[in-house]
């Protein structure tokens, strides 16, 4: 039993390796790209909307509300980035019910890449909101000796983001495989239902934590920009 999709190698030539993590990550990106184009190509302002546009609007409205409640700031600045994180992770986890599919979020390399994106987005949003000098100044408040502790804090929370998502998705897959091997005619349906729920929860937690980290670096009053 493979613990990580990194261990499933489809093609290898020298130092170039194509594994399940890469294949399914690009499949998800292609799926989301095509899906976004199909849903948004005929957006309408009429009272009669398509089911897909209704679903899209519900998703966007709920994401905006959650970002605003969590950060206390204008959600439009963070919606594209946070929304992309949530949709990608949720899709990667929910597709686990498809036979033969291995979620790339069960690979530490994928979750680390997502966490690194959040790590770099914090100063980007912070500087765009407060300016570079004001943003950098918070690293030496209230006393300059705290500077290394701020750096350690940001590095540790990035590591925690990566490991938390990886551990939860990987452990769900392992537990499901063990239970299915014990009782293959009873547990599959239950584990698939639980997998859908936990997949959404993990995407939600990752997105909310990203909002908290980014919002703390952009602490100006709501609506100031």
C-alpha atoms as a PDB file:
ATOM      1  CA  UNK A   1       0.000   0.000   0.000  1.00  0.00           C
ATOM      2  CA  UNK A   2       1.437   3.336  -1.097  1.00  0.00           C
ATOM      3  CA  UNK A   3       1.436   5.982   1.621  1.00  0.00           C
ATOM      4  CA  UNK A   4       1.939   8.882  -0.792  1.00  0.00           C
ATOM      5  CA  UNK A   5       1.085   9.364  -4.489  1.00  0.00           C
ATOM      6  CA  UNK A   6       4.746  10.320  -4.905  1.00  0.00           C
ATOM      7  CA  UNK A   7       5.498   6.597  -4.708  1.00  0.00           C
ATOM      8  CA  UNK A   8       3.333   5.815  -7.747  1.00  0.00           C
ATOM      9  CA  UNK A   9       5.640   6.426 -10.706  1.00  0.00           C
ATOM     10  CA  UNK A  10       4.171   6.411 -14.218  1.00  0.00           C
ATOM     11  CA  UNK A  11       7.312   7.326 -16.142  1.00  0.00           C
ATOM     12  CA  UNK A  12      10.939   7.784 -15.252  1.00  0.00           C
ATOM     13  CA  UNK A  13      13.876   8.893 -17.375  1.00  0.00           C
ATOM     14  CA  UNK A  14      17.071   9.943 -15.671  1.00  0.00           C
ATOM     15  CA  UNK A  15      16.292  12.636 -13.123  1.00  0.00           C
ATOM     16  CA  UNK A  16      12.840  13.268 -14.624  1.00  0.00           C
ATOM     17  CA  UNK A  17      10.054  11.421 -12.826  1.00  0.00           C
ATOM     18  CA  UNK A  18       6.359  11.622 -13.596  1.00  0.00           C
ATOM     19  CA  UNK A  19       4.434  10.357 -10.583  1.00  0.00           C
ATOM     20  CA  UNK A  20       0.793  10.320  -9.529  1.00  0.00           C
ATOM     21  CA  UNK A  21       1.162  13.606  -7.671  1.00  0.00           C
ATOM     22  CA  UNK A  22       2.136  15.479 -10.822  1.00  0.00           C
ATOM     23  CA  UNK A  23      -0.361  13.718 -13.072  1.00  0.00           C
ATOM     24  CA  UNK A  24      -3.388  14.236 -10.846  1.00  0.00           C
ATOM     25  CA  UNK A  25      -2.381  17.807  -9.940  1.00  0.00           C
ATOM     26  CA  UNK A  26      -2.321  18.779 -13.616  1.00  0.00           C
ATOM     27  CA  UNK A  27      -5.575  16.900 -14.198  1.00  0.00           C
ATOM     28  CA  UNK A  28      -7.227  18.938 -11.437  1.00  0.00           C
ATOM     29  CA  UNK A  29      -5.825  22.179 -12.851  1.00  0.00           C
ATOM     30  CA  UNK A  30      -7.138  21.253 -16.320  1.00  0.00           C
ATOM     31  CA  UNK A  31     -10.510  20.244 -14.907  1.00  0.00           C
ATOM     32  CA  UNK A  32     -10.885  23.475 -12.934  1.00  0.00           C
ATOM     33  CA  UNK A  33      -9.730  25.581 -15.878  1.00  0.00           C
ATOM     34  CA  UNK A  34     -12.221  24.028 -18.275  1.00  0.00           C
ATOM     35  CA  UNK A  35     -14.961  24.090 -15.638  1.00  0.00           C
ATOM     36  CA  UNK A  36     -14.376  27.779 -14.885  1.00  0.00           C
ATOM     37  CA  UNK A  37     -14.557  28.615 -18.595  1.00  0.00           C
ATOM     38  CA  UNK A  38     -17.768  26.635 -19.112  1.00  0.00           C
ATOM     39  CA  UNK A  39     -19.490  28.147 -16.075  1.00  0.00           C
ATOM     40  CA  UNK A  40     -18.478  31.768 -16.684  1.00  0.00           C
ATOM     41  CA  UNK A  41     -18.733  32.021 -20.477  1.00  0.00           C
ATOM     42  CA  UNK A  42     -22.471  32.734 -20.369  1.00  0.00           C
ATOM     43  CA  UNK A  43     -23.006  34.584 -17.115  1.00  0.00           C
ATOM     44  CA  UNK A  44     -26.379  36.258 -16.884  1.00  0.00           C
ATOM     45  CA  UNK A  45     -28.041  38.934 -14.768  1.00  0.00           C
ATOM     46  CA  UNK A  46     -31.549  37.626 -15.479  1.00  0.00           C
ATOM     47  CA  UNK A  47     -33.770  36.223 -12.771  1.00  0.00           C
ATOM     48  CA  UNK A  48     -33.509  32.775 -14.345  1.00  0.00           C
ATOM     49  CA  UNK A  49     -29.958  31.571 -13.841  1.00  0.00           C
ATOM     50  CA  UNK A  50     -28.361  28.282 -14.767  1.00  0.00           C
ATOM     51  CA  UNK A  51     -27.728  25.732 -12.035  1.00  0.00           C
ATOM     52  CA  UNK A  52     -23.965  26.140 -12.455  1.00  0.00           C
ATOM     53  CA  UNK A  53     -24.139  29.928 -12.138  1.00  0.00           C
ATOM     54  CA  UNK A  54     -26.288  29.550  -9.020  1.00  0.00           C
ATOM     55  CA  UNK A  55     -23.705  27.177  -7.558  1.00  0.00           C
ATOM     56  CA  UNK A  56     -20.881  29.579  -8.446  1.00  0.00           C
ATOM     57  CA  UNK A  57     -22.663  32.542  -6.846  1.00  0.00           C
ATOM     58  CA  UNK A  58     -23.389  30.570  -3.684  1.00  0.00           C
ATOM     59  CA  UNK A  59     -19.709  29.587  -3.473  1.00  0.00           C
ATOM     60  CA  UNK A  60     -18.456  33.137  -4.040  1.00  0.00           C
ATOM     61  CA  UNK A  61     -20.923  34.709  -1.590  1.00  0.00           C
ATOM     62  CA  UNK A  62     -20.077  32.218   1.148  1.00  0.00           C
ATOM     63  CA  UNK A  63     -16.344  32.640   0.593  1.00  0.00           C
ATOM     64  CA  UNK A  64     -16.681  36.431   0.748  1.00  0.00           C
ATOM     65  CA  UNK A  65     -18.698  36.236   3.958  1.00  0.00           C
ATOM     66  CA  UNK A  66     -16.218  33.848   5.585  1.00  0.00           C
ATOM     67  CA  UNK A  67     -13.221  35.980   4.597  1.00  0.00           C
ATOM     68  CA  UNK A  68     -14.906  39.135   5.911  1.00  0.00           C
ATOM     69  CA  UNK A  69     -15.879  37.502   9.197  1.00  0.00           C
ATOM     70  CA  UNK A  70     -12.412  36.023   9.711  1.00  0.00           C
ATOM     71  CA  UNK A  71     -10.258  38.992   8.701  1.00  0.00           C
ATOM     72  CA  UNK A  72     -12.606  41.917   9.383  1.00  0.00           C
ATOM     73  CA  UNK A  73     -11.420  43.438   6.117  1.00  0.00           C
ATOM     74  CA  UNK A  74     -12.629  43.902   2.565  1.00  0.00           C
ATOM     75  CA  UNK A  75     -12.905  40.337   1.229  1.00  0.00           C
ATOM     76  CA  UNK A  76     -12.507  41.301  -2.436  1.00  0.00           C
ATOM     77  CA  UNK A  77      -8.740  41.708  -2.021  1.00  0.00           C
ATOM     78  CA  UNK A  78      -8.293  38.132  -0.814  1.00  0.00           C
ATOM     79  CA  UNK A  79     -11.082  36.325  -2.652  1.00  0.00           C
ATOM     80  CA  UNK A  80      -9.137  35.276  -5.804  1.00  0.00           C
ATOM     81  CA  UNK A  81      -6.242  33.770  -3.839  1.00  0.00           C
ATOM     82  CA  UNK A  82      -8.223  32.222  -0.971  1.00  0.00           C
ATOM     83  CA  UNK A  83     -10.938  31.019  -3.335  1.00  0.00           C
ATOM     84  CA  UNK A  84      -8.367  29.301  -5.537  1.00  0.00           C
ATOM     85  CA  UNK A  85      -6.806  27.560  -2.535  1.00  0.00           C
ATOM     86  CA  UNK A  86     -10.177  26.341  -1.280  1.00  0.00           C
ATOM     87  CA  UNK A  87     -11.482  25.146  -4.645  1.00  0.00           C
ATOM     88  CA  UNK A  88      -8.243  23.350  -5.519  1.00  0.00           C
ATOM     89  CA  UNK A  89      -7.940  21.545  -2.174  1.00  0.00           C
ATOM     90  CA  UNK A  90     -11.651  20.700  -2.030  1.00  0.00           C
ATOM     91  CA  UNK A  91     -11.632  19.312  -5.575  1.00  0.00           C
ATOM     92  CA  UNK A  92      -8.445  17.336  -4.951  1.00  0.00           C
ATOM     93  CA  UNK A  93      -9.972  15.772  -1.838  1.00  0.00           C
ATOM     94  CA  UNK A  94     -13.477  15.165  -3.188  1.00  0.00           C
ATOM     95  CA  UNK A  95     -12.230  13.330  -6.271  1.00  0.00           C
ATOM     96  CA  UNK A  96     -10.873  10.644  -3.929  1.00  0.00           C
ATOM     97  CA  UNK A  97     -14.162   8.777  -4.466  1.00  0.00           C
ATOM     98  CA  UNK A  98     -13.140   8.148  -8.105  1.00  0.00           C
ATOM     99  CA  UNK A  99     -11.568   4.676  -8.513  1.00  0.00           C
ATOM    100  CA  UNK A 100      -7.887   4.811  -9.377  1.00  0.00           C
ATOM    101  CA  UNK A 101      -7.510   8.423  -8.296  1.00  0.00           C
ATOM    102  CA  UNK A 102      -4.922   9.453  -5.701  1.00  0.00           C
ATOM    103  CA  UNK A 103      -5.350  12.930  -4.149  1.00  0.00           C
ATOM    104  CA  UNK A 104      -2.217  15.057  -4.611  1.00  0.00           C
ATOM    105  CA  UNK A 105      -2.951  16.591  -1.210  1.00  0.00           C
ATOM    106  CA  UNK A 106      -1.809  13.263   0.253  1.00  0.00           C
ATOM    107  CA  UNK A 107       1.702  14.242  -0.880  1.00  0.00           C
ATOM    108  CA  UNK A 108       3.827  16.413   1.375  1.00  0.00           C
ATOM    109  CA  UNK A 109       5.331  18.103  -1.690  1.00  0.00           C
ATOM    110  CA  UNK A 110       1.888  19.388  -2.728  1.00  0.00           C
ATOM    111  CA  UNK A 111       0.845  20.586   0.706  1.00  0.00           C
ATOM    112  CA  UNK A 112       4.264  22.201   1.195  1.00  0.00           C
ATOM    113  CA  UNK A 113       3.861  24.055  -2.106  1.00  0.00           C
ATOM    114  CA  UNK A 114       0.441  25.326  -1.032  1.00  0.00           C
ATOM    115  CA  UNK A 115       1.802  26.405   2.356  1.00  0.00           C
ATOM    116  CA  UNK A 116       4.708  28.206   0.674  1.00  0.00           C
ATOM    117  CA  UNK A 117       2.201  30.096  -1.485  1.00  0.00           C
ATOM    118  CA  UNK A 118       0.519  31.272   1.717  1.00  0.00           C
ATOM    119  CA  UNK A 119       3.915  32.122   3.236  1.00  0.00           C
ATOM    120  CA  UNK A 120       4.806  34.483   0.371  1.00  0.00           C
ATOM    121  CA  UNK A 121       1.283  35.888   0.079  1.00  0.00           C
ATOM    122  CA  UNK A 122       1.459  37.250   3.645  1.00  0.00           C
ATOM    123  CA  UNK A 123       4.128  39.911   2.907  1.00  0.00           C
ATOM    124  CA  UNK A 124       2.645  40.590  -0.538  1.00  0.00           C
ATOM    125  CA  UNK A 125      -0.767  41.459   0.869  1.00  0.00           C
ATOM    126  CA  UNK A 126       0.741  43.149   3.915  1.00  0.00           C
ATOM    127  CA  UNK A 127       2.986  45.432   1.871  1.00  0.00           C
ATOM    128  CA  UNK A 128       0.230  46.258  -0.627  1.00  0.00           C
ATOM    129  CA  UNK A 129      -2.049  47.232   2.241  1.00  0.00           C
ATOM    130  CA  UNK A 130       0.309  49.034   4.628  1.00  0.00           C
ATOM    131  CA  UNK A 131       3.401  49.875   2.593  1.00  0.00           C
ATOM    132  CA  UNK A 132       6.770  48.202   2.864  1.00  0.00           C
ATOM    133  CA  UNK A 133       8.159  50.252   5.764  1.00  0.00           C
ATOM    134  CA  UNK A 134       5.093  49.957   7.954  1.00  0.00           C
ATOM    135  CA  UNK A 135       4.890  46.230   7.249  1.00  0.00           C
ATOM    136  CA  UNK A 136       8.563  45.619   8.059  1.00  0.00           C
ATOM    137  CA  UNK A 137       8.312  47.760  11.192  1.00  0.00           C
ATOM    138  CA  UNK A 138       5.893  45.318  12.835  1.00  0.00           C
ATOM    139  CA  UNK A 139       8.747  42.765  13.020  1.00  0.00           C
ATOM    140  CA  UNK A 140      10.526  44.922  15.598  1.00  0.00           C
ATOM    141  CA  UNK A 141       7.491  45.851  17.698  1.00  0.00           C
ATOM    142  CA  UNK A 142       7.419  46.313  20.620  1.00  0.00           C
ATOM    143  CA  UNK A 143      11.188  45.662  20.843  1.00  0.00           C
ATOM    144  CA  UNK A 144      13.705  44.723  18.095  1.00  0.00           C
ATOM    145  CA  UNK A 145      14.889  41.628  19.972  1.00  0.00           C
ATOM    146  CA  UNK A 146      11.614  39.917  18.997  1.00  0.00           C
ATOM    147  CA  UNK A 147      12.554  39.939  15.292  1.00  0.00           C
ATOM    148  CA  UNK A 148      13.940  36.353  15.173  1.00  0.00           C
ATOM    149  CA  UNK A 149      10.894  35.071  17.035  1.00  0.00           C
ATOM    150  CA  UNK A 150       8.581  36.598  14.414  1.00  0.00           C
ATOM    151  CA  UNK A 151      10.570  34.837  11.697  1.00  0.00           C
ATOM    152  CA  UNK A 152      10.454  31.523  13.550  1.00  0.00           C
ATOM    153  CA  UNK A 153       6.713  31.950  14.037  1.00  0.00           C
ATOM    154  CA  UNK A 154       6.078  32.475  10.331  1.00  0.00           C
ATOM    155  CA  UNK A 155       8.246  29.512   9.348  1.00  0.00           C
ATOM    156  CA  UNK A 156       6.664  27.216  11.931  1.00  0.00           C
ATOM    157  CA  UNK A 157       3.106  28.063  10.934  1.00  0.00           C
ATOM    158  CA  UNK A 158       3.998  27.418   7.281  1.00  0.00           C
ATOM    159  CA  UNK A 159       5.330  24.003   8.275  1.00  0.00           C
ATOM    160  CA  UNK A 160       2.202  23.393  10.358  1.00  0.00           C
ATOM    161  CA  UNK A 161      -0.054  24.228   7.394  1.00  0.00           C
ATOM    162  CA  UNK A 162       1.760  21.758   5.158  1.00  0.00           C
ATOM    163  CA  UNK A 163       1.978  18.929   7.672  1.00  0.00           C
ATOM    164  CA  UNK A 164      -1.613  19.336   8.941  1.00  0.00           C
ATOM    165  CA  UNK A 165      -3.175  18.992   5.497  1.00  0.00           C
ATOM    166  CA  UNK A 166      -0.809  16.217   4.422  1.00  0.00           C
ATOM    167  CA  UNK A 167      -1.296  14.232   7.630  1.00  0.00           C
ATOM    168  CA  UNK A 168      -5.073  14.444   7.612  1.00  0.00           C
ATOM    169  CA  UNK A 169      -5.521  13.485   3.960  1.00  0.00           C
ATOM    170  CA  UNK A 170      -2.908  10.730   4.096  1.00  0.00           C
ATOM    171  CA  UNK A 171      -4.306   9.252   7.298  1.00  0.00           C
ATOM    172  CA  UNK A 172      -7.857   9.268   5.919  1.00  0.00           C
ATOM    173  CA  UNK A 173      -6.674   7.274   2.924  1.00  0.00           C
ATOM    174  CA  UNK A 174      -4.775   4.776   5.050  1.00  0.00           C
ATOM    175  CA  UNK A 175      -7.657   4.241   7.463  1.00  0.00           C
ATOM    176  CA  UNK A 176     -10.070   3.814   4.579  1.00  0.00           C
ATOM    177  CA  UNK A 177      -7.821   1.238   2.915  1.00  0.00           C
ATOM    178  CA  UNK A 178      -7.482  -0.732   6.155  1.00  0.00           C
ATOM    179  CA  UNK A 179     -11.227  -0.762   6.848  1.00  0.00           C
ATOM    180  CA  UNK A 180     -12.062  -1.710   3.270  1.00  0.00           C
ATOM    181  CA  UNK A 181      -9.637  -4.632   3.462  1.00  0.00           C
ATOM    182  CA  UNK A 182     -11.367  -5.831   6.631  1.00  0.00           C
ATOM    183  CA  UNK A 183     -14.955  -5.515   5.417  1.00  0.00           C
ATOM    184  CA  UNK A 184     -14.967  -4.726   1.685  1.00  0.00           C
ATOM    185  CA  UNK A 185     -18.765  -4.924   1.304  1.00  0.00           C
ATOM    186  CA  UNK A 186     -19.729  -2.608   4.141  1.00  0.00           C
ATOM    187  CA  UNK A 187     -17.142   0.099   4.713  1.00  0.00           C
ATOM    188  CA  UNK A 188     -16.575   1.509   1.190  1.00  0.00           C
ATOM    189  CA  UNK A 189     -19.808   3.522   1.100  1.00  0.00           C
ATOM    190  CA  UNK A 190     -19.321   4.832   4.634  1.00  0.00           C
ATOM    191  CA  UNK A 191     -15.698   5.777   4.008  1.00  0.00           C
ATOM    192  CA  UNK A 192     -16.588   7.544   0.773  1.00  0.00           C
ATOM    193  CA  UNK A 193     -19.217   9.620   2.578  1.00  0.00           C
ATOM    194  CA  UNK A 194     -16.794  10.454   5.376  1.00  0.00           C
ATOM    195  CA  UNK A 195     -14.114  11.235   2.794  1.00  0.00           C
ATOM    196  CA  UNK A 196     -16.357  13.834   1.145  1.00  0.00           C
ATOM    197  CA  UNK A 197     -16.994  15.496   4.497  1.00  0.00           C
ATOM    198  CA  UNK A 198     -13.409  15.480   5.738  1.00  0.00           C
ATOM    199  CA  UNK A 199     -12.147  16.635   2.354  1.00  0.00           C
ATOM    200  CA  UNK A 200     -14.315  19.740   2.525  1.00  0.00           C
ATOM    201  CA  UNK A 201     -13.385  20.340   6.157  1.00  0.00           C
ATOM    202  CA  UNK A 202      -9.657  20.201   5.382  1.00  0.00           C
ATOM    203  CA  UNK A 203     -10.066  22.647   2.495  1.00  0.00           C
ATOM    204  CA  UNK A 204     -12.073  24.965   4.767  1.00  0.00           C
ATOM    205  CA  UNK A 205      -9.507  24.834   7.583  1.00  0.00           C
ATOM    206  CA  UNK A 206      -6.597  25.516   5.228  1.00  0.00           C
ATOM    207  CA  UNK A 207      -8.397  28.481   3.639  1.00  0.00           C
ATOM    208  CA  UNK A 208      -9.436  29.955   6.996  1.00  0.00           C
ATOM    209  CA  UNK A 209      -5.910  29.689   8.402  1.00  0.00           C
ATOM    210  CA  UNK A 210      -4.576  31.373   5.263  1.00  0.00           C
ATOM    211  CA  UNK A 211      -7.053  34.233   5.804  1.00  0.00           C
ATOM    212  CA  UNK A 212      -5.969  34.559   9.439  1.00  0.00           C
ATOM    213  CA  UNK A 213      -2.283  34.747   8.524  1.00  0.00           C
ATOM    214  CA  UNK A 214      -2.809  37.179   5.645  1.00  0.00           C
ATOM    215  CA  UNK A 215      -5.322  39.283   7.565  1.00  0.00           C
ATOM    216  CA  UNK A 216      -2.945  39.682  10.494  1.00  0.00           C
ATOM    217  CA  UNK A 217      -0.374  41.209   8.131  1.00  0.00           C
ATOM    218  CA  UNK A 218      -2.958  43.606   6.662  1.00  0.00           C
ATOM    219  CA  UNK A 219      -4.432  45.056   9.815  1.00  0.00           C
ATOM    220  CA  UNK A 220      -5.645  48.412   8.561  1.00  0.00           C
ATOM    221  CA  UNK A 221      -9.283  49.332   9.078  1.00  0.00           C
ATOM    222  CA  UNK A 222     -11.874  47.603   6.935  1.00  0.00           C
ATOM    223  CA  UNK A 223     -12.567  49.410   3.718  1.00  0.00           C
ATOM    224  CA  UNK A 224      -9.500  51.637   3.916  1.00  0.00           C
ATOM    225  CA  UNK A 225      -8.489  50.368   0.483  1.00  0.00           C
END
